[in-house]
N, C-alpha and C. Protein backbone atom coordinates (compact mmCIF):
# COMPACT_ATOMS: atom_id res chain seq x y z
N MET A 1 0.68 -1.41 -0.02
CA MET A 1 0.18 -0.01 0.02
C MET A 1 0.75 0.80 0.41
N ILE A 2 -0.18 2.02 -1.19
CA ILE A 2 1.63 3.36 -0.70
C ILE A 2 1.10 4.26 0.04
N THR A 3 1.21 4.78 0.70
CA THR A 3 1.31 6.13 1.10
C THR A 3 1.24 7.35 1.36
N THR A 4 1.41 8.81 2.05
CA THR A 4 2.46 9.67 1.50
C THR A 4 3.07 9.71 1.79
N GLU A 5 3.36 9.42 3.22
CA GLU A 5 4.74 9.01 3.98
C GLU A 5 6.09 7.83 3.04
N THR A 6 5.77 7.72 2.48
CA THR A 6 6.20 6.38 0.95
C THR A 6 6.17 8.05 -0.27
N MET A 7 5.30 8.41 -0.39
CA MET A 7 5.69 8.71 -1.09
C MET A 7 6.38 10.24 -1.59
N ARG A 8 7.45 10.86 -0.06
CA ARG A 8 7.74 11.42 0.45
C ARG A 8 9.05 11.86 -0.86
N GLU A 9 9.32 13.20 -1.14
CA GLU A 9 10.13 13.37 -2.42
C GLU A 9 11.61 13.39 -1.52
N PRO A 10 13.25 13.35 -1.81
CA PRO A 10 14.10 13.14 -1.05
C PRO A 10 14.38 14.32 -0.60
N ALA A 11 15.08 14.31 0.06
CA ALA A 11 15.29 16.29 0.46
C ALA A 11 16.75 16.31 -0.34
N ARG A 12 16.59 17.89 -0.44
CA ARG A 12 16.84 19.14 -1.17
C ARG A 12 18.18 19.28 -1.08
N ALA A 13 18.92 18.81 -1.72
CA ALA A 13 20.31 18.56 -1.80
C ALA A 13 21.34 19.99 -1.90
N ARG A 14 21.82 19.84 -0.18
CA ARG A 14 22.64 21.10 -0.19
C ARG A 14 24.11 20.66 -1.25
N ALA A 15 24.32 22.57 -0.93
CA ALA A 15 25.90 22.66 -1.61
C ALA A 15 26.94 21.86 -1.22
N VAL A 16 28.48 22.07 -1.59
CA VAL A 16 29.28 21.08 -1.11
C VAL A 16 30.28 21.99 -0.03
N PHE A 17 29.79 22.89 -1.32
CA PHE A 17 31.83 24.17 -1.30
C PHE A 17 30.43 25.15 -0.35
N SER A 18 31.15 26.54 -0.13
CA SER A 18 31.03 28.17 -0.23
C SER A 18 31.28 28.14 -0.63
N SER A 19 30.68 29.51 -1.29
CA SER A 19 30.95 31.04 -1.70
C SER A 19 32.97 30.94 -1.45
N GLU A 20 33.34 31.28 -0.18
CA GLU A 20 33.98 31.78 0.28
C GLU A 20 35.72 30.37 -0.34
N ASP A 21 35.08 29.14 0.24
CA ASP A 21 35.91 27.83 -0.85
C ASP A 21 36.56 27.53 -1.69
N PHE A 22 35.22 28.60 -2.83
CA PHE A 22 36.39 28.55 -4.14
C PHE A 22 37.29 29.67 -3.97
N GLY A 23 37.14 30.72 -3.15
CA GLY A 23 37.79 31.74 -3.55
C GLY A 23 39.12 30.86 -2.86
N LEU A 24 39.08 30.25 -2.53
CA LEU A 24 40.41 30.07 -0.67
C LEU A 24 40.32 28.53 -2.15
N LEU A 25 40.14 27.79 -2.79
CA LEU A 25 40.53 26.64 -3.05
C LEU A 25 40.72 27.32 -4.96
N LYS A 26 41.15 28.54 -5.81
CA LYS A 26 41.95 28.97 -6.47
C LYS A 26 42.26 29.44 -6.26
N GLU A 27 42.58 30.13 -5.08
CA GLU A 27 43.91 30.22 -3.90
C GLU A 27 45.54 29.42 -4.27
N ALA A 28 44.59 28.37 -3.99
CA ALA A 28 45.33 26.94 -3.18
C ALA A 28 46.17 26.51 -5.20
N VAL A 29 44.75 26.26 -5.79
CA VAL A 29 45.19 26.05 -7.46
C VAL A 29 47.30 27.08 -7.51
N LEU A 30 46.21 28.00 -7.38
CA LEU A 30 46.67 29.13 -7.87
C LEU A 30 48.49 28.67 -7.53
N THR A 31 49.13 28.52 -5.96
CA THR A 31 50.59 28.72 -5.55
C THR A 31 50.86 27.41 -5.99
N HIS A 32 49.45 26.23 -6.14
CA HIS A 32 50.71 24.88 -6.88
C HIS A 32 51.06 24.67 -8.14
N LEU A 33 50.43 26.24 -8.65
CA LEU A 33 50.40 26.41 -9.99
C LEU A 33 52.27 27.23 -10.07
N ARG A 34 52.44 27.73 -9.71
CA ARG A 34 53.48 28.43 -10.01
C ARG A 34 53.97 27.64 -9.67
N THR A 35 53.84 26.08 -8.47
CA THR A 35 54.65 25.53 -8.05
C THR A 35 55.57 24.56 -9.12
N ILE A 36 54.30 24.00 -9.56
CA ILE A 36 54.38 22.77 -11.43
C ILE A 36 55.05 23.50 -12.48
N GLU A 37 54.94 24.51 -12.36
CA GLU A 37 54.78 25.35 -14.30
C GLU A 37 54.67 25.15 -15.00
N ASP A 38 56.14 24.51 -15.19
CA ASP A 38 57.67 23.30 -16.10
C ASP A 38 56.98 22.02 -15.88
N ARG A 39 56.01 22.17 -15.57
CA ARG A 39 55.50 19.93 -16.09
C ARG A 39 53.66 20.02 -16.97
N PRO A 40 54.30 19.57 -17.62
CA PRO A 40 52.94 19.21 -18.11
C PRO A 40 51.70 19.15 -17.94
N GLU A 41 50.95 19.31 -16.12
CA GLU A 41 50.36 18.69 -15.79
C GLU A 41 50.04 20.90 -15.60
N SER A 42 50.49 20.91 -15.61
CA SER A 42 50.60 22.14 -14.96
C SER A 42 48.99 22.76 -16.43
N VAL A 43 48.86 22.67 -17.17
CA VAL A 43 47.79 23.22 -18.02
C VAL A 43 46.38 22.41 -17.35
N LYS A 44 46.39 21.75 -16.60
CA LYS A 44 45.18 21.14 -16.17
C LYS A 44 44.72 21.59 -15.20
N TYR A 45 46.33 22.13 -14.27
CA TYR A 45 46.05 23.00 -12.74
C TYR A 45 45.74 24.79 -13.62
N SER A 46 45.87 24.90 -14.39
CA SER A 46 46.08 26.33 -15.01
C SER A 46 44.15 26.16 -15.41
N ASN A 47 43.56 24.59 -16.58
CA ASN A 47 42.57 25.06 -16.45
C ASN A 47 41.58 24.39 -15.15
N LEU A 48 41.60 24.05 -14.20
CA LEU A 48 40.78 24.27 -12.75
C LEU A 48 41.48 25.41 -12.40
N TYR A 49 42.19 26.43 -12.15
CA TYR A 49 42.14 28.06 -11.59
C TYR A 49 41.12 28.33 -12.77
N HIS A 50 41.01 28.69 -14.11
CA HIS A 50 40.39 29.51 -14.34
C HIS A 50 38.84 29.45 -14.56
N ARG A 51 37.95 27.78 -14.70
CA ARG A 51 36.56 27.53 -14.17
C ARG A 51 36.83 27.56 -12.77
N LEU A 52 37.59 27.67 -11.85
CA LEU A 52 37.10 28.03 -10.55
C LEU A 52 37.22 29.87 -10.19
N GLY A 53 37.11 30.29 -11.40
CA GLY A 53 37.09 31.77 -11.11
C GLY A 53 36.27 31.98 -11.93
N ARG A 54 35.24 31.18 -12.64
CA ARG A 54 34.46 31.28 -13.52
C ARG A 54 33.27 31.28 -11.97
N LEU A 55 33.57 30.64 -11.02
CA LEU A 55 32.65 30.29 -10.25
C LEU A 55 31.98 31.22 -9.06
N SER A 56 33.20 31.80 -8.15
CA SER A 56 33.16 32.47 -7.92
C SER A 56 33.22 34.01 -8.03
């Protein structure tokens, strides 16, 4: 038997990161990017840095 109790909608998902967190993450990625700037993987960190900039 289906009741209103079993038909409840799932709770809304809450944000994992706050707005302030994105600024902190962006700063941390930039610091790391400067450390590894001559390595091939620095391109991935540069792209991440720019994506984080669009969020904050």
